[in-house]
Every structure is written in structure tokens, then in C-alpha cells.
Amino acid sequence: MSIVKKGTAEQLKVLIFENRQQLGEEAAGMVAEKISELLEKQQMVNIIFAAAASQNEFLATLIKLDIDWTRINAFHMDEYIGLPEGAKQHFSYFLGEQIFNKVPFANVFCINGSTEDTEAECERYAGLLLKYPTDITCMGIGENTHLAFNDPYIADFKENKLVKVVKLAQESKQQQVNEDCFAHVSEVPEYAYTLTVPALLKAKAIYSMVPGPAKAEAVFHTLNAEISEQYPSTILRTLSNAYLFLDTESAGNIDKESEMSPITFK
């Protein structure tokens, strides 16, 4: 294993790798192991995937591994509202290109960002999540520490819904521009569907892949800030079944001076 450091932040397991390629490969290997372990005990495995550039190396490796995809149901965690049908910015399109259309899943369940009845779509997708309880969540962390589109202060750790409509924070919209998904922030839709924080964290295992220098500040807050909706990703520190994968760039700020509690390295 090409690991630089490993440690814990309260209950969260933290693994730091030299670069994002190594991060993606090791994360994919661990997820594949978990899938195999679960398939020994149950007929099907249900996985939520994130659509973001941070997941590229992870997804590219995962599709090459020896996994029985015919026994896996796939979900995604958020989707824009109001984009034209077939727009490449749709998260379902991204995941189709990266994984959904590359391996033979039993089912791929996508959020429909084009339907006019948003409440009905929330209920439909929530019903699928209840019918196929989540086993694994594969996620990133936003530049403002969001999980899916649960932005600071919009996030609710005790939310009773599984899926909801949210108005995107300016920081989240800017991140989409930074990642070349849109040319200008004015092009980013105002609203999106998101799985709620409780929906994402219902999984038996949670793997969060967070490479790159743009995520360094978010990683610092994730590991050091008070656990609250001000920094949604801090909730990961309460989970013994969660893993945070970093590279040396995204981990660049975690040792900076602070009065907050630092991560404990082994």
C-alpha cells in the first residue's frame, strides 16, 4: 500500500496517499473488498455514487476490478433541476460515462432532473432507497464541506427526509465552474435534488475520496472544526464505518497551527 500516513479523527479513519492516482486505486481496492464481503452474506449490494472529478481515479480503477456487477444496484446522490434533457452537466450523464454504462449493474436508479413535479420525484427516489437499503456510499467532500448538495446551514444532521430540493450555495455553484462543468456561475442551476445527510450515512460502509489542493481547506475543517451543520462533512468524524482518503495536496493544511484538536496519526 502506497500510504503516507494513516490515523483517526475521533471515529473517522483517515488515509493519506502520495497522489490522487494512488488514492483512487487504494480506495477502489477497499470498496471492492467490501462488496465481496457483503455478497458472501446477501444476494444484492446497493451502492450510492458521487458525480465529481474527485472520483475519477477511483471510478476508473473500480470498473476494472473483479466484481459481480450483476448483483449490484447503483444510485447517485444529487442532480440539477432544470437542465435540458441530455445535458452533459447532468450528474447522471457523468456517472453514465464513468461507470453506469461501463459495467453490467442489476439496476441503475437515476434522479430525474427534468420532471416538473419535484415533490413527487423526491418521494419516488426516497421509495427506491427504502426498497433497496444502502450498503455502501462512495462520496466526496465539497470545497465548502458539503456532502452531496447539503451545503453549510442547509444540511440537517437530523433530517427526516431521504431526498429533498435545495437552493445551491454560491460556493457550490462556483465549484462547478472551477471544475469546468460550466463556463460561468450564472449558468449553474439555482436548485438541485440531494440525498440528505441521514440518507447518505445510512450505509454499512462509507468511503470518501477527497484529492487535490482545492479541497485542503475543506479537509482541515472536516478534521478539526466543531461537528455541526456549519461544516457538514464534520459529521463523518462520528462514524466508525467511514474512511476518508486524502492525497498529500488535500491533506496539506491538516497540520497547520490551531487550537482545535488535531488528527491522531499512528
C-alpha atoms as a PDB file:
ATOM      1  CA  MET A   1       0.000   0.000   0.000  1.00  0.00           C
ATOM      2  CA  SER A   2       1.395   3.390  -1.048  1.00  0.00           C
ATOM      3  CA  ILE A   3       0.180   5.090   2.094  1.00  0.00           C
ATOM      4  CA  VAL A   4       1.978   8.127   3.526  1.00  0.00           C
ATOM      5  CA  LYS A   5       0.109   8.364   6.821  1.00  0.00           C
ATOM      6  CA  LYS A   6      -2.932   6.910   8.493  1.00  0.00           C
ATOM      7  CA  GLY A   7      -4.775   7.949  11.581  1.00  0.00           C
ATOM      8  CA  THR A   8      -8.120   8.764  13.114  1.00  0.00           C
ATOM      9  CA  ALA A   9     -10.166  11.867  13.735  1.00  0.00           C
ATOM     10  CA  GLU A  10     -12.404  10.702  16.558  1.00  0.00           C
ATOM     11  CA  GLN A  11     -14.059   7.666  14.912  1.00  0.00           C
ATOM     12  CA  LEU A  12     -13.273   8.540  11.285  1.00  0.00           C
ATOM     13  CA  LYS A  13     -10.409   6.573   9.710  1.00  0.00           C
ATOM     14  CA  VAL A  14      -8.066   8.773   7.658  1.00  0.00           C
ATOM     15  CA  LEU A  15      -5.675   7.517   4.982  1.00  0.00           C
ATOM     16  CA  ILE A  16      -3.212   9.822   3.187  1.00  0.00           C
ATOM     17  CA  PHE A  17      -1.549   8.829  -0.107  1.00  0.00           C
ATOM     18  CA  GLU A  18       1.215  10.389  -2.179  1.00  0.00           C
ATOM     19  CA  ASN A  19      -1.032  11.366  -5.092  1.00  0.00           C
ATOM     20  CA  ARG A  20      -4.591  11.123  -6.361  1.00  0.00           C
ATOM     21  CA  GLN A  21      -3.891   8.107  -8.579  1.00  0.00           C
ATOM     22  CA  GLN A  22      -2.677   6.055  -5.616  1.00  0.00           C
ATOM     23  CA  LEU A  23      -5.623   7.341  -3.578  1.00  0.00           C
ATOM     24  CA  GLY A  24      -8.102   6.225  -6.236  1.00  0.00           C
ATOM     25  CA  GLU A  25      -6.531   2.812  -6.677  1.00  0.00           C
ATOM     26  CA  GLU A  26      -6.406   2.028  -2.960  1.00  0.00           C
ATOM     27  CA  ALA A  27      -9.935   3.297  -2.365  1.00  0.00           C
ATOM     28  CA  ALA A  28     -11.246   1.164  -5.234  1.00  0.00           C
ATOM     29  CA  GLY A  29      -9.500  -1.882  -3.814  1.00  0.00           C
ATOM     30  CA  MET A  30     -11.065  -1.352  -0.402  1.00  0.00           C
ATOM     31  CA  VAL A  31     -14.533  -0.821  -1.867  1.00  0.00           C
ATOM     32  CA  ALA A  32     -14.181  -3.957  -3.998  1.00  0.00           C
ATOM     33  CA  GLU A  33     -13.191  -5.925  -0.898  1.00  0.00           C
ATOM     34  CA  LYS A  34     -16.250  -4.638   0.933  1.00  0.00           C
ATOM     35  CA  ILE A  35     -18.522  -5.561  -1.972  1.00  0.00           C
ATOM     36  CA  SER A  36     -17.138  -9.106  -1.996  1.00  0.00           C
ATOM     37  CA  GLU A  37     -17.579  -9.380   1.769  1.00  0.00           C
ATOM     38  CA  LEU A  38     -21.203  -8.259   1.537  1.00  0.00           C
ATOM     39  CA  LEU A  39     -22.003 -10.532  -1.397  1.00  0.00           C
ATOM     40  CA  GLU A  40     -20.959 -13.508   0.693  1.00  0.00           C
ATOM     41  CA  LYS A  41     -23.769 -12.655   3.126  1.00  0.00           C
ATOM     42  CA  GLN A  42     -26.512 -11.209   0.899  1.00  0.00           C
ATOM     43  CA  GLN A  43     -27.882 -11.558  -2.616  1.00  0.00           C
ATOM     44  CA  MET A  44     -27.577  -7.904  -3.685  1.00  0.00           C
ATOM     45  CA  VAL A  45     -25.497  -4.858  -2.756  1.00  0.00           C
ATOM     46  CA  ASN A  46     -26.797  -1.284  -3.082  1.00  0.00           C
ATOM     47  CA  ILE A  47     -24.264   1.492  -3.703  1.00  0.00           C
ATOM     48  CA  ILE A  48     -24.579   5.297  -3.883  1.00  0.00           C
ATOM     49  CA  PHE A  49     -22.014   7.020  -6.116  1.00  0.00           C
ATOM     50  CA  ALA A  50     -20.916  10.660  -6.286  1.00  0.00           C
ATOM     51  CA  ALA A  51     -20.548  12.529  -9.568  1.00  0.00           C
ATOM     52  CA  ALA A  52     -17.445  14.698  -9.317  1.00  0.00           C
ATOM     53  CA  ALA A  53     -13.944  14.989 -10.724  1.00  0.00           C
ATOM     54  CA  SER A  54     -12.611  13.908  -7.324  1.00  0.00           C
ATOM     55  CA  GLN A  55     -13.972  10.439  -8.066  1.00  0.00           C
ATOM     56  CA  ASN A  56     -12.321   9.957 -11.477  1.00  0.00           C
ATOM     57  CA  GLU A  57      -9.350   7.813 -10.470  1.00  0.00           C
ATOM     58  CA  PHE A  58     -11.432   5.804  -8.042  1.00  0.00           C
ATOM     59  CA  LEU A  59     -14.144   5.018 -10.591  1.00  0.00           C
ATOM     60  CA  ALA A  60     -11.654   4.288 -13.399  1.00  0.00           C
ATOM     61  CA  THR A  61      -9.982   1.689 -11.188  1.00  0.00           C
ATOM     62  CA  LEU A  62     -13.184   0.243  -9.743  1.00  0.00           C
ATOM     63  CA  ILE A  63     -14.642  -0.730 -13.134  1.00  0.00           C
ATOM     64  CA  LYS A  64     -11.520  -2.793 -13.886  1.00  0.00           C
ATOM     65  CA  LEU A  65     -11.727  -4.927 -10.746  1.00  0.00           C
ATOM     66  CA  ASP A  66     -13.225  -8.387 -10.436  1.00  0.00           C
ATOM     67  CA  ILE A  67     -16.678  -7.523  -9.128  1.00  0.00           C
ATOM     68  CA  ASP A  68     -20.005  -9.243  -9.796  1.00  0.00           C
ATOM     69  CA  TRP A  69     -21.806  -6.135 -11.016  1.00  0.00           C
ATOM     70  CA  THR A  70     -24.931  -8.136 -11.867  1.00  0.00           C
ATOM     71  CA  ARG A  71     -25.649  -8.293  -8.139  1.00  0.00           C
ATOM     72  CA  ILE A  72     -25.282  -4.538  -7.544  1.00  0.00           C
ATOM     73  CA  ASN A  73     -27.864  -1.751  -7.704  1.00  0.00           C
ATOM     74  CA  ALA A  74     -26.478   1.733  -8.344  1.00  0.00           C
ATOM     75  CA  PHE A  75     -27.759   5.112  -7.141  1.00  0.00           C
ATOM     76  CA  HIS A  76     -26.425   8.641  -7.307  1.00  0.00           C
ATOM     77  CA  MET A  77     -26.651  11.326  -4.662  1.00  0.00           C
ATOM     78  CA  ASP A  78     -27.666  14.573  -6.340  1.00  0.00           C
ATOM     79  CA  GLU A  79     -28.924  16.084  -9.585  1.00  0.00           C
ATOM     80  CA  TYR A  80     -29.537  19.516 -11.045  1.00  0.00           C
ATOM     81  CA  ILE A  81     -33.068  20.723 -11.677  1.00  0.00           C
ATOM     82  CA  GLY A  82     -33.937  22.391 -14.974  1.00  0.00           C
ATOM     83  CA  LEU A  83     -31.043  21.477 -17.249  1.00  0.00           C
ATOM     84  CA  PRO A  84     -32.019  20.453 -20.801  1.00  0.00           C
ATOM     85  CA  GLU A  85     -32.623  16.746 -21.381  1.00  0.00           C
ATOM     86  CA  GLY A  86     -29.310  15.054 -22.203  1.00  0.00           C
ATOM     87  CA  ALA A  87     -27.132  17.942 -20.994  1.00  0.00           C
ATOM     88  CA  LYS A  88     -23.616  16.732 -20.219  1.00  0.00           C
ATOM     89  CA  GLN A  89     -23.670  18.568 -16.886  1.00  0.00           C
ATOM     90  CA  HIS A  90     -26.283  16.173 -15.524  1.00  0.00           C
ATOM     91  CA  PHE A  91     -24.691  14.060 -12.801  1.00  0.00           C
ATOM     92  CA  SER A  92     -26.432  11.002 -14.219  1.00  0.00           C
ATOM     93  CA  TYR A  93     -24.645  11.714 -17.521  1.00  0.00           C
ATOM     94  CA  PHE A  94     -21.270  11.983 -15.784  1.00  0.00           C
ATOM     95  CA  LEU A  95     -21.765   8.711 -13.941  1.00  0.00           C
ATOM     96  CA  GLY A  96     -23.046   7.077 -17.102  1.00  0.00           C
ATOM     97  CA  GLU A  97     -19.770   7.948 -18.788  1.00  0.00           C
ATOM     98  CA  GLN A  98     -17.638   6.923 -15.818  1.00  0.00           C
ATOM     99  CA  ILE A  99     -19.326   3.767 -14.544  1.00  0.00           C
ATOM    100  CA  PHE A 100     -23.091   3.295 -15.053  1.00  0.00           C
ATOM    101  CA  ASN A 101     -22.718   2.417 -18.747  1.00  0.00           C
ATOM    102  CA  LYS A 102     -19.386   0.622 -18.339  1.00  0.00           C
ATOM    103  CA  VAL A 103     -20.373  -2.360 -16.174  1.00  0.00           C
ATOM    104  CA  PRO A 104     -23.479  -4.604 -16.070  1.00  0.00           C
ATOM    105  CA  PHE A 105     -25.323  -3.368 -12.975  1.00  0.00           C
ATOM    106  CA  ALA A 106     -28.518  -5.166 -11.988  1.00  0.00           C
ATOM    107  CA  ASN A 107     -30.224  -1.752 -11.883  1.00  0.00           C
ATOM    108  CA  VAL A 108     -29.154   1.873 -12.201  1.00  0.00           C
ATOM    109  CA  PHE A 109     -31.574   4.220 -10.455  1.00  0.00           C
ATOM    110  CA  CYS A 110     -31.198   7.850 -11.544  1.00  0.00           C
ATOM    111  CA  ILE A 111     -32.827  11.007 -10.240  1.00  0.00           C
ATOM    112  CA  ASN A 112     -34.883  12.676 -12.967  1.00  0.00           C
ATOM    113  CA  GLY A 113     -33.861  16.323 -13.035  1.00  0.00           C
ATOM    114  CA  SER A 114     -36.332  17.160 -15.803  1.00  0.00           C
ATOM    115  CA  THR A 115     -39.641  16.269 -14.174  1.00  0.00           C
ATOM    116  CA  GLU A 116     -41.866  19.210 -13.223  1.00  0.00           C
ATOM    117  CA  ASP A 117     -43.231  17.611 -10.050  1.00  0.00           C
ATOM    118  CA  THR A 118     -40.189  17.839  -7.804  1.00  0.00           C
ATOM    119  CA  GLU A 119     -42.004  16.648  -4.682  1.00  0.00           C
ATOM    120  CA  ALA A 120     -43.151  13.505  -6.471  1.00  0.00           C
ATOM    121  CA  GLU A 121     -39.617  12.875  -7.692  1.00  0.00           C
ATOM    122  CA  CYS A 122     -38.263  13.203  -4.146  1.00  0.00           C
ATOM    123  CA  GLU A 123     -40.834  10.671  -2.974  1.00  0.00           C
ATOM    124  CA  ARG A 124     -40.118   8.305  -5.870  1.00  0.00           C
ATOM    125  CA  TYR A 125     -36.383   8.237  -5.248  1.00  0.00           C
ATOM    126  CA  ALA A 126     -36.805   8.006  -1.486  1.00  0.00           C
ATOM    127  CA  GLY A 127     -39.033   4.991  -2.082  1.00  0.00           C
ATOM    128  CA  LEU A 128     -36.254   3.305  -4.054  1.00  0.00           C
ATOM    129  CA  LEU A 129     -33.769   3.982  -1.253  1.00  0.00           C
ATOM    130  CA  LEU A 130     -36.162   2.356   1.197  1.00  0.00           C
ATOM    131  CA  LYS A 131     -36.767  -0.616  -1.097  1.00  0.00           C
ATOM    132  CA  TYR A 132     -33.029  -1.104  -1.636  1.00  0.00           C
ATOM    133  CA  PRO A 133     -31.315  -0.078   1.623  1.00  0.00           C
ATOM    134  CA  THR A 134     -27.870   1.406   1.088  1.00  0.00           C
ATOM    135  CA  ASP A 135     -24.885  -0.828   1.769  1.00  0.00           C
ATOM    136  CA  ILE A 136     -22.061   1.434   0.549  1.00  0.00           C
ATOM    137  CA  THR A 137     -21.798   5.182  -0.007  1.00  0.00           C
ATOM    138  CA  CYS A 138     -18.927   6.439  -2.177  1.00  0.00           C
ATOM    139  CA  MET A 139     -18.670  10.205  -1.849  1.00  0.00           C
ATOM    140  CA  GLY A 140     -16.501  13.287  -1.967  1.00  0.00           C
ATOM    141  CA  ILE A 141     -16.470  16.466   0.097  1.00  0.00           C
ATOM    142  CA  GLY A 142     -17.203  19.862  -1.431  1.00  0.00           C
ATOM    143  CA  GLU A 143     -14.917  22.861  -1.249  1.00  0.00           C
ATOM    144  CA  ASN A 144     -17.314  24.333   1.323  1.00  0.00           C
ATOM    145  CA  THR A 145     -17.504  20.941   3.140  1.00  0.00           C
ATOM    146  CA  HIS A 146     -20.835  19.991   1.588  1.00  0.00           C
ATOM    147  CA  LEU A 147     -21.902  16.347   1.320  1.00  0.00           C
ATOM    148  CA  ALA A 148     -23.810  15.841  -1.931  1.00  0.00           C
ATOM    149  CA  PHE A 149     -25.623  19.223  -2.129  1.00  0.00           C
ATOM    150  CA  ASN A 150     -26.083  19.526   1.621  1.00  0.00           C
ATOM    151  CA  ASP A 151     -24.351  22.878   1.877  1.00  0.00           C
ATOM    152  CA  PRO A 152     -23.450  24.584   5.155  1.00  0.00           C
ATOM    153  CA  TYR A 153     -26.582  25.525   7.107  1.00  0.00           C
ATOM    154  CA  ILE A 154     -28.781  23.781   4.518  1.00  0.00           C
ATOM    155  CA  ALA A 155     -27.513  20.464   5.836  1.00  0.00           C
ATOM    156  CA  ASP A 156     -29.555  18.901   8.623  1.00  0.00           C
ATOM    157  CA  PHE A 157     -27.995  16.024  10.526  1.00  0.00           C
ATOM    158  CA  LYS A 158     -31.450  15.044  11.845  1.00  0.00           C
ATOM    159  CA  GLU A 159     -33.384  15.496   8.595  1.00  0.00           C
ATOM    160  CA  ASN A 160     -36.396  13.170   8.401  1.00  0.00           C
ATOM    161  CA  LYS A 161     -36.472  13.125   4.588  1.00  0.00           C
ATOM    162  CA  LEU A 162     -34.212  10.993   2.406  1.00  0.00           C
ATOM    163  CA  VAL A 163     -34.331  13.253  -0.660  1.00  0.00           C
ATOM    164  CA  LYS A 164     -35.058  16.966  -0.885  1.00  0.00           C
ATOM    165  CA  VAL A 165     -34.788  20.010  -3.145  1.00  0.00           C
ATOM    166  CA  VAL A 166     -32.218  22.633  -2.167  1.00  0.00           C
ATOM    167  CA  LYS A 167     -31.098  26.029  -3.407  1.00  0.00           C
ATOM    168  CA  LEU A 168     -27.398  25.825  -4.167  1.00  0.00           C
ATOM    169  CA  ALA A 169     -24.959  27.914  -2.172  1.00  0.00           C
ATOM    170  CA  GLN A 170     -22.811  30.318  -4.178  1.00  0.00           C
ATOM    171  CA  GLU A 171     -19.703  28.361  -3.169  1.00  0.00           C
ATOM    172  CA  SER A 172     -21.159  25.150  -4.572  1.00  0.00           C
ATOM    173  CA  LYS A 173     -22.053  26.880  -7.829  1.00  0.00           C
ATOM    174  CA  GLN A 174     -18.546  28.318  -8.086  1.00  0.00           C
ATOM    175  CA  GLN A 175     -17.047  24.877  -7.529  1.00  0.00           C
ATOM    176  CA  GLN A 176     -18.906  23.625 -10.598  1.00  0.00           C
ATOM    177  CA  VAL A 177     -17.237  26.375 -12.615  1.00  0.00           C
ATOM    178  CA  ASN A 178     -13.849  25.625 -11.052  1.00  0.00           C
ATOM    179  CA  GLU A 179     -14.215  22.012 -12.175  1.00  0.00           C
ATOM    180  CA  ASP A 180     -15.065  23.129 -15.758  1.00  0.00           C
ATOM    181  CA  CYS A 181     -18.642  21.852 -15.631  1.00  0.00           C
ATOM    182  CA  PHE A 182     -19.965  25.311 -16.561  1.00  0.00           C
ATOM    183  CA  ALA A 183     -18.334  28.336 -18.185  1.00  0.00           C
ATOM    184  CA  HIS A 184     -19.806  30.845 -15.730  1.00  0.00           C
ATOM    185  CA  VAL A 185     -21.542  30.685 -12.370  1.00  0.00           C
ATOM    186  CA  SER A 186     -24.666  32.222 -13.928  1.00  0.00           C
ATOM    187  CA  GLU A 187     -25.092  29.016 -15.963  1.00  0.00           C
ATOM    188  CA  VAL A 188     -25.252  26.765 -12.904  1.00  0.00           C
ATOM    189  CA  PRO A 189     -28.842  25.866 -11.984  1.00  0.00           C
ATOM    190  CA  GLU A 190     -30.245  27.505  -8.870  1.00  0.00           C
ATOM    191  CA  TYR A 191     -31.806  24.327  -7.494  1.00  0.00           C
ATOM    192  CA  ALA A 192     -30.964  20.652  -7.242  1.00  0.00           C
ATOM    193  CA  TYR A 193     -32.107  17.409  -5.714  1.00  0.00           C
ATOM    194  CA  THR A 194     -29.914  15.959  -2.995  1.00  0.00           C
ATOM    195  CA  LEU A 195     -29.933  12.911  -0.824  1.00  0.00           C
ATOM    196  CA  THR A 196     -29.956  14.204   2.735  1.00  0.00           C
ATOM    197  CA  VAL A 197     -27.142  13.662   5.207  1.00  0.00           C
ATOM    198  CA  PRO A 198     -29.015  10.850   7.037  1.00  0.00           C
ATOM    199  CA  ALA A 199     -29.716   9.154   3.686  1.00  0.00           C
ATOM    200  CA  LEU A 200     -26.024   9.198   2.750  1.00  0.00           C
ATOM    201  CA  LEU A 201     -24.921   7.926   6.148  1.00  0.00           C
ATOM    202  CA  LYS A 202     -27.368   5.009   6.384  1.00  0.00           C
ATOM    203  CA  ALA A 203     -24.804   2.843   4.592  1.00  0.00           C
ATOM    204  CA  LYS A 204     -22.975  -0.032   6.229  1.00  0.00           C
ATOM    205  CA  ALA A 205     -19.701   1.451   4.935  1.00  0.00           C
ATOM    206  CA  ILE A 206     -18.810   4.956   3.750  1.00  0.00           C
ATOM    207  CA  TYR A 207     -15.803   5.822   1.592  1.00  0.00           C
ATOM    208  CA  SER A 208     -14.965   9.480   0.969  1.00  0.00           C
ATOM    209  CA  MET A 209     -12.378  10.238  -1.730  1.00  0.00           C
ATOM    210  CA  VAL A 210     -11.044  13.797  -1.477  1.00  0.00           C
ATOM    211  CA  PRO A 211      -7.918  14.569  -3.534  1.00  0.00           C
ATOM    212  CA  GLY A 212      -6.361  17.823  -4.707  1.00  0.00           C
ATOM    213  CA  PRO A 213      -5.268  21.212  -3.363  1.00  0.00           C
ATOM    214  CA  ALA A 214      -8.703  22.812  -3.835  1.00  0.00           C
ATOM    215  CA  LYS A 215     -10.012  20.588  -1.033  1.00  0.00           C
ATOM    216  CA  ALA A 216      -7.255  21.342   1.516  1.00  0.00           C
ATOM    217  CA  GLU A 217      -9.249  23.908   3.476  1.00  0.00           C
ATOM    218  CA  ALA A 218     -12.368  21.726   3.485  1.00  0.00           C
ATOM    219  CA  VAL A 219     -10.309  18.796   4.768  1.00  0.00           C
ATOM    220  CA  PHE A 220      -8.893  20.942   7.561  1.00  0.00           C
ATOM    221  CA  HIS A 221     -12.379  21.908   8.716  1.00  0.00           C
ATOM    222  CA  THR A 222     -13.625  18.336   8.316  1.00  0.00           C
ATOM    223  CA  LEU A 223     -10.999  17.077  10.733  1.00  0.00           C
ATOM    224  CA  ASN A 224     -10.762  19.986  13.137  1.00  0.00           C
ATOM    225  CA  ALA A 225     -13.913  22.090  13.305  1.00  0.00           C
ATOM    226  CA  GLU A 226     -16.724  21.557  15.782  1.00  0.00           C
ATOM    227  CA  ILE A 227     -19.152  18.926  14.496  1.00  0.00           C
ATOM    228  CA  SER A 228     -22.067  20.966  13.179  1.00  0.00           C
ATOM    229  CA  GLU A 229     -24.035  21.880  10.080  1.00  0.00           C
ATOM    230  CA  GLN A 230     -21.696  24.864   9.626  1.00  0.00           C
ATOM    231  CA  TYR A 231     -19.244  22.309   8.220  1.00  0.00           C
ATOM    232  CA  PRO A 232     -21.404  19.356   7.082  1.00  0.00           C
ATOM    233  CA  SER A 233     -18.502  16.963   6.474  1.00  0.00           C
ATOM    234  CA  THR A 234     -17.567  17.093  10.172  1.00  0.00           C
ATOM    235  CA  ILE A 235     -20.343  14.540  10.762  1.00  0.00           C
ATOM    236  CA  LEU A 236     -18.023  11.912   9.290  1.00  0.00           C
ATOM    237  CA  ARG A 237     -15.959  12.054  12.497  1.00  0.00           C
ATOM    238  CA  THR A 238     -18.851  10.424  14.362  1.00  0.00           C
ATOM    239  CA  LEU A 239     -18.784   7.303  12.179  1.00  0.00           C
ATOM    240  CA  SER A 240     -16.718   4.206  12.902  1.00  0.00           C
ATOM    241  CA  ASN A 241     -17.666   2.761   9.489  1.00  0.00           C
ATOM    242  CA  ALA A 242     -16.300   5.726   7.477  1.00  0.00           C
ATOM    243  CA  TYR A 243     -12.984   6.155   5.660  1.00  0.00           C
ATOM    244  CA  LEU A 244     -11.510   9.419   4.386  1.00  0.00           C
ATOM    245  CA  PHE A 245      -8.980   9.092   1.547  1.00  0.00           C
ATOM    246  CA  LEU A 246      -6.648  12.062   1.030  1.00  0.00           C
ATOM    247  CA  ASP A 247      -3.564  12.806  -1.018  1.00  0.00           C
ATOM    248  CA  THR A 248      -0.677  14.987   0.132  1.00  0.00           C
ATOM    249  CA  GLU A 249      -2.260  18.028  -1.532  1.00  0.00           C
ATOM    250  CA  SER A 250      -5.700  17.737   0.048  1.00  0.00           C
ATOM    251  CA  ALA A 251      -4.019  16.926   3.381  1.00  0.00           C
ATOM    252  CA  GLY A 252      -1.729  19.943   3.096  1.00  0.00           C
ATOM    253  CA  ASN A 253      -3.440  22.018   5.790  1.00  0.00           C
ATOM    254  CA  ILE A 254      -4.236  19.466   8.457  1.00  0.00           C
ATOM    255  CA  ASP A 255      -1.056  20.137  10.429  1.00  0.00           C
ATOM    256  CA  LYS A 256      -1.372  23.916  10.435  1.00  0.00           C
ATOM    257  CA  GLU A 257      -1.401  25.552  13.843  1.00  0.00           C
ATOM    258  CA  SER A 258      -4.768  25.566  15.514  1.00  0.00           C
ATOM    259  CA  GLU A 259      -6.294  25.427  18.942  1.00  0.00           C
ATOM    260  CA  MET A 260      -8.619  22.697  17.650  1.00  0.00           C
ATOM    261  CA  SER A 261      -7.990  19.012  18.270  1.00  0.00           C
ATOM    262  CA  PRO A 262      -5.642  17.596  15.600  1.00  0.00           C
ATOM    263  CA  ILE A 263      -5.920  14.228  13.919  1.00  0.00           C
ATOM    264  CA  THR A 264      -4.158  11.377  15.721  1.00  0.00           C
ATOM    265  CA  PHE A 265      -1.680   9.596  13.461  1.00  0.00           C
ATOM    266  CA  LYS A 266      -0.371   6.108  14.063  1.00  0.00           C
END
